[in-house]
Amino acid sequence: MSLKAAEIKGFQPIDTVYRKSDDKGLYLEIRPNGSKHWFVKYRFTDPKEVVAWKLA
């Protein structure tokens, strides 16, 4: 399932950090202060690496 722009805008902050993901390793982390951070999991070799982008 891919994340849609309207769906992303509708994610509201709660008391704890939570994540919404697609099925290809990309996920959005929503923090209690309302900030949203994108992460992607990928593997070239073991162990898995995580890369993060912060988009305003």
Foldseek 3Di string as FASTA:
>chain_A
DDDDPVNVVPDDADQAWDWDDDPQQWIWIAGNVGFIKIKGWDDPDPDIDIDIDGDD
